[in-house]
Amino acid sequence: MKWWIKFGCFLTGWNSNILSQCSEASYKHLKKYTSALLILILLWGFTGFCFAQRYVHAPVWGCIVSSLIFIIVIIQIERQIILTVGSNKMGVVFRFFIAIIMAVLGSAILDQVIFGEDIKKKMVEITDRQVREQLPMRLSVIDSKLQELKVTIDSLDKVNIRLNEEIAKTPTVPQTGRSTTYKKVLQEDGSYKTVPETTVTTSHVPNPRIKQVEANDTLLKRYRNLQDEYTNRKMDVEDNLRKELSESVGFLEELNAMIEIVSTRTEALIFYLIIFSFLISLELFVVASKMGDKKCDYDMIVEHQLKMKETTLKELSRNIK
């Protein structure tokens, strides 16, 4: 058996032993299914790689892993139709539903790759619109913080002015100290008695308000640095906001840009519909091949084996009863 046939059996899930007993018609069916699967594998492998690279920002090995996951998923989905024994209308309906979803997802990802440059231009317009919408709120927050700092600084300045006036009037304040000494006093009976003697001293020390003023000056310096920082931030708020919005572009932002392009430009809408129709046709390729063609002898053999097994089990069940 040729490697191409073995590879086709691996992809589709067909049994190579059963296939070896079949006619050329079954081999042709296998080749059709394999070709259809390869088209889907290439398409979704590329889609998975682009998705991981563009939106997940994964390294090359991560993009390859994402591509393999997409490929495995699509193979398992198609096998649900290829390996169906007999007719399964619900399976076909469900596969059609999945085909629509996958066509929408695939066209969304591929169109964002194909329309990459147009999306970049549209994102500039969207960013300008977002800046106009968000800038007043950002400025309002900064202005509120600057107002709070201004009130705090003015309050501390007034306190320092009042304290400095007090210090100018009384640069020093008296401080009273007490010290106790003990001395022996001779008594009339000739004995000595220890008697405490307290000495009160008065000295002048710097006004303690000076330290309070120094602490306030430290706070004022910190608040004025913050005030300068918020003032500079206010001057650069538009550039920073634009940079922030430009750097945080994700899948949904580009999808919105794509929707705006498609909804405002007829040629983009036509191209999108072409890609969507192409993808949904590819997704239903295997279903059409399975449902449109006559049964090959491979399907007949599998169905025959199933019927023989059912008959055997029924006879066995009757004999047991």
C-alpha atoms as a PDB file:
ATOM      1  CA  MET A   1       0.000   0.000   0.000  1.00  0.00           C
ATOM      2  CA  LYS A   2       1.413   3.375  -1.043  1.00  0.00           C
ATOM      3  CA  TRP A   3       2.411   5.926   1.566  1.00  0.00           C
ATOM      4  CA  TRP A   4      -0.209   8.362   0.226  1.00  0.00           C
ATOM      5  CA  ILE A   5      -2.949   5.818   0.935  1.00  0.00           C
ATOM      6  CA  LYS A   6      -1.562   5.099   4.419  1.00  0.00           C
ATOM      7  CA  PHE A   7      -1.377   8.819   5.110  1.00  0.00           C
ATOM      8  CA  GLY A   8      -4.986   9.226   3.919  1.00  0.00           C
ATOM      9  CA  CYS A   9      -6.112   6.405   6.211  1.00  0.00           C
ATOM     10  CA  PHE A  10      -4.308   8.110   9.095  1.00  0.00           C
ATOM     11  CA  LEU A  11      -6.038  11.442   8.452  1.00  0.00           C
ATOM     12  CA  THR A  12      -9.527  10.113   7.801  1.00  0.00           C
ATOM     13  CA  GLY A  13      -9.490   7.289  10.328  1.00  0.00           C
ATOM     14  CA  TRP A  14     -10.204   4.629   7.714  1.00  0.00           C
ATOM     15  CA  ASN A  15      -9.074   1.053   8.363  1.00  0.00           C
ATOM     16  CA  SER A  16      -6.352   0.152   5.882  1.00  0.00           C
ATOM     17  CA  ASN A  17      -7.088  -3.586   6.221  1.00  0.00           C
ATOM     18  CA  ILE A  18     -10.689  -3.087   5.143  1.00  0.00           C
ATOM     19  CA  LEU A  19      -9.599  -0.717   2.383  1.00  0.00           C
ATOM     20  CA  SER A  20      -7.219  -3.329   0.943  1.00  0.00           C
ATOM     21  CA  GLN A  21     -10.286  -5.501   0.184  1.00  0.00           C
ATOM     22  CA  CYS A  22     -12.099  -2.691  -1.666  1.00  0.00           C
ATOM     23  CA  SER A  23     -12.235  -1.552  -5.269  1.00  0.00           C
ATOM     24  CA  GLU A  24     -10.706   1.528  -6.895  1.00  0.00           C
ATOM     25  CA  ALA A  25     -13.888   3.511  -6.087  1.00  0.00           C
ATOM     26  CA  SER A  26     -13.081   3.381  -2.378  1.00  0.00           C
ATOM     27  CA  TYR A  27      -9.517   4.528  -3.051  1.00  0.00           C
ATOM     28  CA  LYS A  28     -10.898   7.495  -4.975  1.00  0.00           C
ATOM     29  CA  HIS A  29     -13.195   8.368  -2.087  1.00  0.00           C
ATOM     30  CA  LEU A  30     -10.231   8.230   0.285  1.00  0.00           C
ATOM     31  CA  LYS A  31      -8.166  10.487  -1.964  1.00  0.00           C
ATOM     32  CA  LYS A  32     -11.026  13.018  -2.146  1.00  0.00           C
ATOM     33  CA  TYR A  33     -11.397  13.076   1.642  1.00  0.00           C
ATOM     34  CA  THR A  34      -7.627  13.361   2.083  1.00  0.00           C
ATOM     35  CA  SER A  35      -7.386  16.240  -0.395  1.00  0.00           C
ATOM     36  CA  ALA A  36     -10.235  18.077   1.295  1.00  0.00           C
ATOM     37  CA  LEU A  37      -8.638  17.557   4.714  1.00  0.00           C
ATOM     38  CA  LEU A  38      -5.257  18.770   3.476  1.00  0.00           C
ATOM     39  CA  ILE A  39      -6.831  21.981   2.189  1.00  0.00           C
ATOM     40  CA  LEU A  40      -8.448  22.562   5.595  1.00  0.00           C
ATOM     41  CA  ILE A  41      -5.222  21.621   7.394  1.00  0.00           C
ATOM     42  CA  LEU A  42      -3.204  24.169   5.406  1.00  0.00           C
ATOM     43  CA  LEU A  43      -5.851  26.847   5.853  1.00  0.00           C
ATOM     44  CA  TRP A  44      -6.374  26.390   9.602  1.00  0.00           C
ATOM     45  CA  GLY A  45      -2.694  25.755  10.266  1.00  0.00           C
ATOM     46  CA  PHE A  46      -1.929  29.148   8.720  1.00  0.00           C
ATOM     47  CA  THR A  47      -4.842  30.733  10.595  1.00  0.00           C
ATOM     48  CA  GLY A  48      -3.708  29.309  13.948  1.00  0.00           C
ATOM     49  CA  PHE A  49      -0.119  30.469  13.355  1.00  0.00           C
ATOM     50  CA  CYS A  50      -1.228  34.014  12.441  1.00  0.00           C
ATOM     51  CA  PHE A  51      -3.607  34.218  15.394  1.00  0.00           C
ATOM     52  CA  ALA A  52      -0.915  33.241  17.929  1.00  0.00           C
ATOM     53  CA  GLN A  53       1.670  35.519  16.322  1.00  0.00           C
ATOM     54  CA  ARG A  54      -0.554  38.582  15.908  1.00  0.00           C
ATOM     55  CA  TYR A  55      -2.704  38.557  19.046  1.00  0.00           C
ATOM     56  CA  VAL A  56      -1.089  36.215  21.595  1.00  0.00           C
ATOM     57  CA  HIS A  57       2.412  37.513  20.694  1.00  0.00           C
ATOM     58  CA  ALA A  58       3.732  33.976  21.127  1.00  0.00           C
ATOM     59  CA  PRO A  59       7.251  32.960  20.028  1.00  0.00           C
ATOM     60  CA  VAL A  60       7.718  30.842  16.913  1.00  0.00           C
ATOM     61  CA  TRP A  61       7.394  27.570  18.802  1.00  0.00           C
ATOM     62  CA  GLY A  62       4.186  28.846  20.434  1.00  0.00           C
ATOM     63  CA  CYS A  63       2.774  29.746  17.019  1.00  0.00           C
ATOM     64  CA  ILE A  64       3.626  26.263  15.754  1.00  0.00           C
ATOM     65  CA  VAL A  65       1.891  24.685  18.763  1.00  0.00           C
ATOM     66  CA  SER A  66      -1.171  26.869  18.135  1.00  0.00           C
ATOM     67  CA  SER A  67      -1.149  25.821  14.479  1.00  0.00           C
ATOM     68  CA  LEU A  68      -0.995  22.136  15.455  1.00  0.00           C
ATOM     69  CA  ILE A  69      -3.908  22.552  17.873  1.00  0.00           C
ATOM     70  CA  PHE A  70      -6.034  24.122  15.129  1.00  0.00           C
ATOM     71  CA  ILE A  71      -5.087  21.276  12.768  1.00  0.00           C
ATOM     72  CA  ILE A  72      -5.928  18.550  15.300  1.00  0.00           C
ATOM     73  CA  VAL A  73      -9.292  20.158  16.039  1.00  0.00           C
ATOM     74  CA  ILE A  74     -10.258  20.403  12.367  1.00  0.00           C
ATOM     75  CA  ILE A  75      -9.223  16.785  11.690  1.00  0.00           C
ATOM     76  CA  GLN A  76     -11.321  15.519  14.593  1.00  0.00           C
ATOM     77  CA  ILE A  77     -14.322  17.563  13.445  1.00  0.00           C
ATOM     78  CA  GLU A  78     -14.128  16.227   9.892  1.00  0.00           C
ATOM     79  CA  ARG A  79     -13.766  12.670  11.126  1.00  0.00           C
ATOM     80  CA  GLN A  80     -17.201  12.988  12.720  1.00  0.00           C
ATOM     81  CA  ILE A  81     -18.644  13.101   9.185  1.00  0.00           C
ATOM     82  CA  ILE A  82     -16.191  10.818   7.385  1.00  0.00           C
ATOM     83  CA  LEU A  83     -16.511   7.989   9.919  1.00  0.00           C
ATOM     84  CA  THR A  84     -20.289   8.160  10.201  1.00  0.00           C
ATOM     85  CA  VAL A  85     -21.854   4.801   9.437  1.00  0.00           C
ATOM     86  CA  GLY A  86     -25.055   5.196   7.419  1.00  0.00           C
ATOM     87  CA  SER A  87     -26.908   8.493   7.307  1.00  0.00           C
ATOM     88  CA  ASN A  88     -26.889  10.965  10.168  1.00  0.00           C
ATOM     89  CA  LYS A  89     -28.953  14.060   9.420  1.00  0.00           C
ATOM     90  CA  MET A  90     -28.365  15.582  12.854  1.00  0.00           C
ATOM     91  CA  GLY A  91     -24.619  15.242  12.329  1.00  0.00           C
ATOM     92  CA  VAL A  92     -24.858  17.057   9.004  1.00  0.00           C
ATOM     93  CA  VAL A  93     -26.959  19.856  10.517  1.00  0.00           C
ATOM     94  CA  PHE A  94     -24.552  20.219  13.423  1.00  0.00           C
ATOM     95  CA  ARG A  95     -21.560  20.227  11.051  1.00  0.00           C
ATOM     96  CA  PHE A  96     -23.218  22.963   9.006  1.00  0.00           C
ATOM     97  CA  PHE A  97     -23.667  25.003  12.196  1.00  0.00           C
ATOM     98  CA  ILE A  98     -20.008  24.479  13.101  1.00  0.00           C
ATOM     99  CA  ALA A  99     -19.008  25.404   9.536  1.00  0.00           C
ATOM    100  CA  ILE A 100     -20.721  28.794   9.864  1.00  0.00           C
ATOM    101  CA  ILE A 101     -18.970  29.496  13.181  1.00  0.00           C
ATOM    102  CA  MET A 102     -15.571  28.443  11.860  1.00  0.00           C
ATOM    103  CA  ALA A 103     -16.056  30.446   8.658  1.00  0.00           C
ATOM    104  CA  VAL A 104     -16.855  33.543  10.715  1.00  0.00           C
ATOM    105  CA  LEU A 105     -13.808  33.015  12.952  1.00  0.00           C
ATOM    106  CA  GLY A 106     -11.528  32.177  10.051  1.00  0.00           C
ATOM    107  CA  SER A 107     -12.638  35.103   7.916  1.00  0.00           C
ATOM    108  CA  ALA A 108     -12.282  37.447  10.910  1.00  0.00           C
ATOM    109  CA  ILE A 109      -8.684  36.338  11.508  1.00  0.00           C
ATOM    110  CA  LEU A 110      -7.656  36.152   7.856  1.00  0.00           C
ATOM    111  CA  ASP A 111      -9.276  39.470   6.960  1.00  0.00           C
ATOM    112  CA  GLN A 112      -7.439  41.187   9.774  1.00  0.00           C
ATOM    113  CA  VAL A 113      -4.198  39.822   8.304  1.00  0.00           C
ATOM    114  CA  ILE A 114      -5.132  40.691   4.710  1.00  0.00           C
ATOM    115  CA  PHE A 115      -6.482  44.137   5.606  1.00  0.00           C
ATOM    116  CA  GLY A 116      -3.577  44.762   7.988  1.00  0.00           C
ATOM    117  CA  GLU A 117      -2.495  48.113   6.523  1.00  0.00           C
ATOM    118  CA  ASP A 118      -6.083  49.367   6.181  1.00  0.00           C
ATOM    119  CA  ILE A 119      -6.731  48.401   9.793  1.00  0.00           C
ATOM    120  CA  LYS A 120      -3.663  50.370  10.910  1.00  0.00           C
ATOM    121  CA  LYS A 121      -5.012  53.471   9.170  1.00  0.00           C
ATOM    122  CA  LYS A 122      -8.447  52.938  10.677  1.00  0.00           C
ATOM    123  CA  MET A 123      -6.901  52.412  14.120  1.00  0.00           C
ATOM    124  CA  VAL A 124      -5.332  55.876  13.855  1.00  0.00           C
ATOM    125  CA  GLU A 125      -8.819  57.332  13.364  1.00  0.00           C
ATOM    126  CA  ILE A 126     -10.229  55.235  16.197  1.00  0.00           C
ATOM    127  CA  THR A 127      -7.352  56.240  18.476  1.00  0.00           C
ATOM    128  CA  ASP A 128      -8.004  59.936  17.752  1.00  0.00           C
ATOM    129  CA  ARG A 129     -11.660  59.408  18.607  1.00  0.00           C
ATOM    130  CA  GLN A 130     -10.801  57.587  21.826  1.00  0.00           C
ATOM    131  CA  VAL A 131      -8.361  60.332  22.801  1.00  0.00           C
ATOM    132  CA  ARG A 132     -11.063  62.965  22.364  1.00  0.00           C
ATOM    133  CA  GLU A 133     -13.424  60.883  24.494  1.00  0.00           C
ATOM    134  CA  GLN A 134     -11.015  59.963  27.297  1.00  0.00           C
ATOM    135  CA  LEU A 135      -8.812  63.058  27.464  1.00  0.00           C
ATOM    136  CA  PRO A 136     -11.303  65.240  29.443  1.00  0.00           C
ATOM    137  CA  MET A 137     -11.643  62.516  32.070  1.00  0.00           C
ATOM    138  CA  ARG A 138      -7.858  62.137  32.410  1.00  0.00           C
ATOM    139  CA  LEU A 139      -7.441  65.912  32.682  1.00  0.00           C
ATOM    140  CA  SER A 140     -10.239  66.083  35.246  1.00  0.00           C
ATOM    141  CA  VAL A 141      -8.473  63.541  37.461  1.00  0.00           C
ATOM    142  CA  ILE A 142      -5.159  65.408  37.221  1.00  0.00           C
ATOM    143  CA  ASP A 143      -6.817  68.790  37.865  1.00  0.00           C
ATOM    144  CA  SER A 144      -8.565  67.356  40.912  1.00  0.00           C
ATOM    145  CA  LYS A 145      -5.258  66.083  42.276  1.00  0.00           C
ATOM    146  CA  LEU A 146      -3.558  69.426  41.577  1.00  0.00           C
ATOM    147  CA  GLN A 147      -6.362  71.246  43.390  1.00  0.00           C
ATOM    148  CA  GLU A 148      -5.973  68.977  46.420  1.00  0.00           C
ATOM    149  CA  LEU A 149      -2.215  69.579  46.461  1.00  0.00           C
ATOM    150  CA  LYS A 150      -2.720  73.343  46.116  1.00  0.00           C
ATOM    151  CA  VAL A 151      -5.101  73.406  49.094  1.00  0.00           C
ATOM    152  CA  THR A 152      -2.679  71.338  51.192  1.00  0.00           C
ATOM    153  CA  ILE A 153       0.317  73.487  50.241  1.00  0.00           C
ATOM    154  CA  ASP A 154      -1.544  76.741  50.943  1.00  0.00           C
ATOM    155  CA  SER A 155      -2.669  75.394  54.303  1.00  0.00           C
ATOM    156  CA  LEU A 156       0.862  74.414  55.322  1.00  0.00           C
ATOM    157  CA  ASP A 157       2.215  77.747  54.090  1.00  0.00           C
ATOM    158  CA  LYS A 158      -0.260  79.608  56.312  1.00  0.00           C
ATOM    159  CA  VAL A 159       0.670  77.435  59.278  1.00  0.00           C
ATOM    160  CA  ASN A 160       4.385  78.094  58.698  1.00  0.00           C
ATOM    161  CA  ILE A 161       3.802  81.848  58.388  1.00  0.00           C
ATOM    162  CA  ARG A 162       2.004  81.859  61.733  1.00  0.00           C
ATOM    163  CA  LEU A 163       4.696  79.690  63.344  1.00  0.00           C
ATOM    164  CA  ASN A 164       7.511  81.852  61.993  1.00  0.00           C
ATOM    165  CA  GLU A 165       5.821  84.929  63.419  1.00  0.00           C
ATOM    166  CA  GLU A 166       5.703  83.233  66.816  1.00  0.00           C
ATOM    167  CA  ILE A 167       9.361  82.199  66.508  1.00  0.00           C
ATOM    168  CA  ALA A 168      10.364  85.764  65.564  1.00  0.00           C
ATOM    169  CA  LYS A 169       8.696  87.077  68.713  1.00  0.00           C
ATOM    170  CA  THR A 170      10.033  84.353  71.013  1.00  0.00           C
ATOM    171  CA  PRO A 171      13.042  82.661  69.446  1.00  0.00           C
ATOM    172  CA  THR A 172      13.750  80.986  72.799  1.00  0.00           C
ATOM    173  CA  VAL A 173      11.548  79.802  75.592  1.00  0.00           C
ATOM    174  CA  PRO A 174      12.427  79.411  79.273  1.00  0.00           C
ATOM    175  CA  GLN A 175      12.893  75.901  80.541  1.00  0.00           C
ATOM    176  CA  THR A 176      12.846  75.125  84.248  1.00  0.00           C
ATOM    177  CA  GLY A 177      14.951  72.317  85.608  1.00  0.00           C
ATOM    178  CA  ARG A 178      15.000  70.765  89.083  1.00  0.00           C
ATOM    179  CA  SER A 179      17.874  68.892  90.669  1.00  0.00           C
ATOM    180  CA  THR A 180      17.980  67.281  94.102  1.00  0.00           C
ATOM    181  CA  THR A 181      21.109  66.787  96.199  1.00  0.00           C
ATOM    182  CA  TYR A 182      21.481  65.169  99.545  1.00  0.00           C
ATOM    183  CA  LYS A 183      23.746  66.434 102.339  1.00  0.00           C
ATOM    184  CA  LYS A 184      24.397  65.380 105.902  1.00  0.00           C
ATOM    185  CA  VAL A 185      23.436  67.800 108.658  1.00  0.00           C
ATOM    186  CA  LEU A 186      24.876  67.526 112.188  1.00  0.00           C
ATOM    187  CA  GLN A 187      22.194  67.115 114.800  1.00  0.00           C
ATOM    188  CA  GLU A 188      22.238  68.325 118.431  1.00  0.00           C
ATOM    189  CA  ASP A 189      22.843  64.831 119.695  1.00  0.00           C
ATOM    190  CA  GLY A 190      25.949  64.591 117.553  1.00  0.00           C
ATOM    191  CA  SER A 191      24.473  62.359 114.850  1.00  0.00           C
ATOM    192  CA  TYR A 192      24.174  63.141 111.137  1.00  0.00           C
ATOM    193  CA  LYS A 193      20.925  63.263 109.179  1.00  0.00           C
ATOM    194  CA  THR A 194      20.635  63.120 105.382  1.00  0.00           C
ATOM    195  CA  VAL A 195      18.545  66.028 104.179  1.00  0.00           C
ATOM    196  CA  PRO A 196      17.426  66.504 100.491  1.00  0.00           C
ATOM    197  CA  GLU A 197      18.079  69.854  98.947  1.00  0.00           C
ATOM    198  CA  THR A 198      16.223  70.847  95.743  1.00  0.00           C
ATOM    199  CA  THR A 199      17.741  73.341  93.332  1.00  0.00           C
ATOM    200  CA  VAL A 200      15.590  75.044  90.686  1.00  0.00           C
ATOM    201  CA  THR A 201      17.375  76.340  87.568  1.00  0.00           C
ATOM    202  CA  THR A 202      15.959  78.284  84.642  1.00  0.00           C
ATOM    203  CA  SER A 203      17.513  78.215  81.128  1.00  0.00           C
ATOM    204  CA  HIS A 204      16.494  79.378  77.650  1.00  0.00           C
ATOM    205  CA  VAL A 205      16.173  76.817  74.787  1.00  0.00           C
ATOM    206  CA  PRO A 206      15.213  77.276  71.088  1.00  0.00           C
ATOM    207  CA  ASN A 207      11.509  77.538  70.467  1.00  0.00           C
ATOM    208  CA  PRO A 208      10.122  73.998  69.719  1.00  0.00           C
ATOM    209  CA  ARG A 209       8.052  75.542  66.944  1.00  0.00           C
ATOM    210  CA  ILE A 210      11.272  75.624  64.898  1.00  0.00           C
ATOM    211  CA  LYS A 211      11.253  71.801  64.546  1.00  0.00           C
ATOM    212  CA  GLN A 212       7.604  71.889  63.546  1.00  0.00           C
ATOM    213  CA  VAL A 213       8.413  74.441  60.837  1.00  0.00           C
ATOM    214  CA  GLU A 214      11.255  72.209  59.572  1.00  0.00           C
ATOM    215  CA  ALA A 215       8.917  69.199  59.399  1.00  0.00           C
ATOM    216  CA  ASN A 216       6.349  71.304  57.525  1.00  0.00           C
ATOM    217  CA  ASP A 217       9.035  72.474  55.101  1.00  0.00           C
ATOM    218  CA  THR A 218       9.912  68.829  54.353  1.00  0.00           C
ATOM    219  CA  LEU A 219       6.254  68.080  53.634  1.00  0.00           C
ATOM    220  CA  LEU A 220       5.959  71.201  51.502  1.00  0.00           C
ATOM    221  CA  LYS A 221       8.956  70.150  49.446  1.00  0.00           C
ATOM    222  CA  ARG A 222       7.399  66.738  48.850  1.00  0.00           C
ATOM    223  CA  TYR A 223       4.011  68.214  47.932  1.00  0.00           C
ATOM    224  CA  ARG A 224       5.573  70.744  45.560  1.00  0.00           C
ATOM    225  CA  ASN A 225       7.510  67.937  43.833  1.00  0.00           C
ATOM    226  CA  LEU A 226       4.225  66.084  43.412  1.00  0.00           C
ATOM    227  CA  GLN A 227       2.638  69.265  42.099  1.00  0.00           C
ATOM    228  CA  ASP A 228       5.395  69.631  39.506  1.00  0.00           C
ATOM    229  CA  GLU A 229       5.045  65.968  38.583  1.00  0.00           C
ATOM    230  CA  TYR A 230       1.274  66.257  38.012  1.00  0.00           C
ATOM    231  CA  THR A 231       1.778  69.501  36.092  1.00  0.00           C
ATOM    232  CA  ASN A 232       4.240  67.768  33.755  1.00  0.00           C
ATOM    233  CA  ARG A 233       1.869  64.816  33.481  1.00  0.00           C
ATOM    234  CA  LYS A 234      -0.927  67.187  32.501  1.00  0.00           C
ATOM    235  CA  MET A 235       1.230  68.612  29.727  1.00  0.00           C
ATOM    236  CA  ASP A 236       2.044  65.133  28.395  1.00  0.00           C
ATOM    237  CA  VAL A 237      -1.323  63.500  29.084  1.00  0.00           C
ATOM    238  CA  GLU A 238      -2.476  63.553  25.461  1.00  0.00           C
ATOM    239  CA  ASP A 239       0.729  62.012  24.105  1.00  0.00           C
ATOM    240  CA  ASN A 240       0.787  59.386  26.876  1.00  0.00           C
ATOM    241  CA  LEU A 241      -2.866  58.509  26.310  1.00  0.00           C
ATOM    242  CA  ARG A 242      -2.345  58.180  22.560  1.00  0.00           C
ATOM    243  CA  LYS A 243       0.711  55.993  23.121  1.00  0.00           C
ATOM    244  CA  GLU A 244      -1.164  53.835  25.641  1.00  0.00           C
ATOM    245  CA  LEU A 245      -4.092  53.310  23.293  1.00  0.00           C
ATOM    246  CA  SER A 246      -1.818  52.560  20.341  1.00  0.00           C
ATOM    247  CA  GLU A 247       0.217  49.967  22.252  1.00  0.00           C
ATOM    248  CA  SER A 248      -2.764  48.074  23.701  1.00  0.00           C
ATOM    249  CA  VAL A 249      -4.462  47.119  20.426  1.00  0.00           C
ATOM    250  CA  GLY A 250      -5.971  43.633  20.679  1.00  0.00           C
ATOM    251  CA  PHE A 251      -8.140  41.293  18.671  1.00  0.00           C
ATOM    252  CA  LEU A 252     -11.406  43.028  19.559  1.00  0.00           C
ATOM    253  CA  GLU A 253     -10.054  46.500  18.725  1.00  0.00           C
ATOM    254  CA  GLU A 254      -8.887  45.330  15.306  1.00  0.00           C
ATOM    255  CA  LEU A 255     -12.180  43.490  14.835  1.00  0.00           C
ATOM    256  CA  ASN A 256     -14.067  46.720  15.506  1.00  0.00           C
ATOM    257  CA  ALA A 257     -11.819  48.501  13.017  1.00  0.00           C
ATOM    258  CA  MET A 258     -12.502  45.738  10.485  1.00  0.00           C
ATOM    259  CA  ILE A 259     -16.251  46.069  11.041  1.00  0.00           C
ATOM    260  CA  GLU A 260     -16.035  49.829  10.429  1.00  0.00           C
ATOM    261  CA  ILE A 261     -14.070  49.249   7.215  1.00  0.00           C
ATOM    262  CA  VAL A 262     -16.525  46.630   5.948  1.00  0.00           C
ATOM    263  CA  SER A 263     -19.569  48.725   6.880  1.00  0.00           C
ATOM    264  CA  THR A 264     -18.292  51.903   5.224  1.00  0.00           C
ATOM    265  CA  ARG A 265     -16.543  50.546   2.112  1.00  0.00           C
ATOM    266  CA  THR A 266     -18.453  48.446  -0.406  1.00  0.00           C
ATOM    267  CA  GLU A 267     -15.363  46.821  -1.933  1.00  0.00           C
ATOM    268  CA  ALA A 268     -14.233  45.650   1.517  1.00  0.00           C
ATOM    269  CA  LEU A 269     -17.672  44.158   2.200  1.00  0.00           C
ATOM    270  CA  ILE A 270     -17.650  42.316  -1.136  1.00  0.00           C
ATOM    271  CA  PHE A 271     -14.169  40.926  -0.471  1.00  0.00           C
ATOM    272  CA  TYR A 272     -15.185  39.851   3.042  1.00  0.00           C
ATOM    273  CA  LEU A 273     -18.250  38.019   1.688  1.00  0.00           C
ATOM    274  CA  ILE A 274     -16.065  36.288  -0.903  1.00  0.00           C
ATOM    275  CA  ILE A 275     -13.654  35.059   1.770  1.00  0.00           C
ATOM    276  CA  PHE A 276     -16.548  34.020   4.027  1.00  0.00           C
ATOM    277  CA  SER A 277     -18.224  32.089   1.197  1.00  0.00           C
ATOM    278  CA  PHE A 278     -14.915  30.468   0.281  1.00  0.00           C
ATOM    279  CA  LEU A 279     -14.292  29.346   3.857  1.00  0.00           C
ATOM    280  CA  ILE A 280     -17.772  28.002   4.467  1.00  0.00           C
ATOM    281  CA  SER A 281     -17.566  26.127   1.152  1.00  0.00           C
ATOM    282  CA  LEU A 282     -14.290  24.542   2.232  1.00  0.00           C
ATOM    283  CA  GLU A 283     -15.765  23.678   5.626  1.00  0.00           C
ATOM    284  CA  LEU A 284     -18.680  21.891   3.929  1.00  0.00           C
ATOM    285  CA  PHE A 285     -16.471  20.243   1.319  1.00  0.00           C
ATOM    286  CA  VAL A 286     -16.218  16.949   3.197  1.00  0.00           C
ATOM    287  CA  VAL A 287     -19.929  17.003   4.079  1.00  0.00           C
ATOM    288  CA  ALA A 288     -20.832  17.510   0.415  1.00  0.00           C
ATOM    289  CA  SER A 289     -18.504  14.715  -0.641  1.00  0.00           C
ATOM    290  CA  LYS A 290     -19.940  12.380   1.983  1.00  0.00           C
ATOM    291  CA  MET A 291     -23.607  13.153   1.331  1.00  0.00           C
ATOM    292  CA  GLY A 292     -23.506  13.797  -2.414  1.00  0.00           C
ATOM    293  CA  ASP A 293     -21.697  10.691  -3.639  1.00  0.00           C
ATOM    294  CA  LYS A 294     -23.014   7.160  -3.726  1.00  0.00           C
ATOM    295  CA  LYS A 295     -21.722   4.745  -1.139  1.00  0.00           C
ATOM    296  CA  CYS A 296     -18.450   3.089  -1.973  1.00  0.00           C
ATOM    297  CA  ASP A 297     -17.732  -0.519  -1.158  1.00  0.00           C
ATOM    298  CA  TYR A 298     -15.723   0.563   1.935  1.00  0.00           C
ATOM    299  CA  ASP A 299     -18.883   2.079   3.434  1.00  0.00           C
ATOM    300  CA  MET A 300     -20.860  -0.995   2.369  1.00  0.00           C
ATOM    301  CA  ILE A 301     -18.373  -3.330   4.053  1.00  0.00           C
ATOM    302  CA  VAL A 302     -18.476  -1.321   7.284  1.00  0.00           C
ATOM    303  CA  GLU A 303     -22.277  -1.225   7.253  1.00  0.00           C
ATOM    304  CA  HIS A 304     -22.392  -4.954   6.443  1.00  0.00           C
ATOM    305  CA  GLN A 305     -20.092  -5.721   9.374  1.00  0.00           C
ATOM    306  CA  LEU A 306     -22.298  -3.605  11.615  1.00  0.00           C
ATOM    307  CA  LYS A 307     -25.471  -5.415  10.496  1.00  0.00           C
ATOM    308  CA  MET A 308     -23.815  -8.830  10.896  1.00  0.00           C
ATOM    309  CA  LYS A 309     -22.706  -7.883  14.408  1.00  0.00           C
ATOM    310  CA  GLU A 310     -26.208  -6.669  15.282  1.00  0.00           C
ATOM    311  CA  THR A 311     -27.743  -9.905  13.971  1.00  0.00           C
ATOM    312  CA  THR A 312     -25.259 -12.009  15.941  1.00  0.00           C
ATOM    313  CA  LEU A 313     -25.936 -10.090  19.156  1.00  0.00           C
ATOM    314  CA  LYS A 314     -29.713 -10.375  18.711  1.00  0.00           C
ATOM    315  CA  GLU A 315     -29.468 -14.169  18.163  1.00  0.00           C
ATOM    316  CA  LEU A 316     -27.190 -14.472  21.169  1.00  0.00           C
ATOM    317  CA  SER A 317     -29.676 -12.501  23.268  1.00  0.00           C
ATOM    318  CA  ARG A 318     -32.557 -14.772  22.151  1.00  0.00           C
ATOM    319  CA  ASN A 319     -30.574 -17.902  22.960  1.00  0.00           C
ATOM    320  CA  ILE A 320     -29.785 -16.626  26.442  1.00  0.00           C
ATOM    321  CA  LYS A 321     -33.478 -15.952  27.110  1.00  0.00           C
END
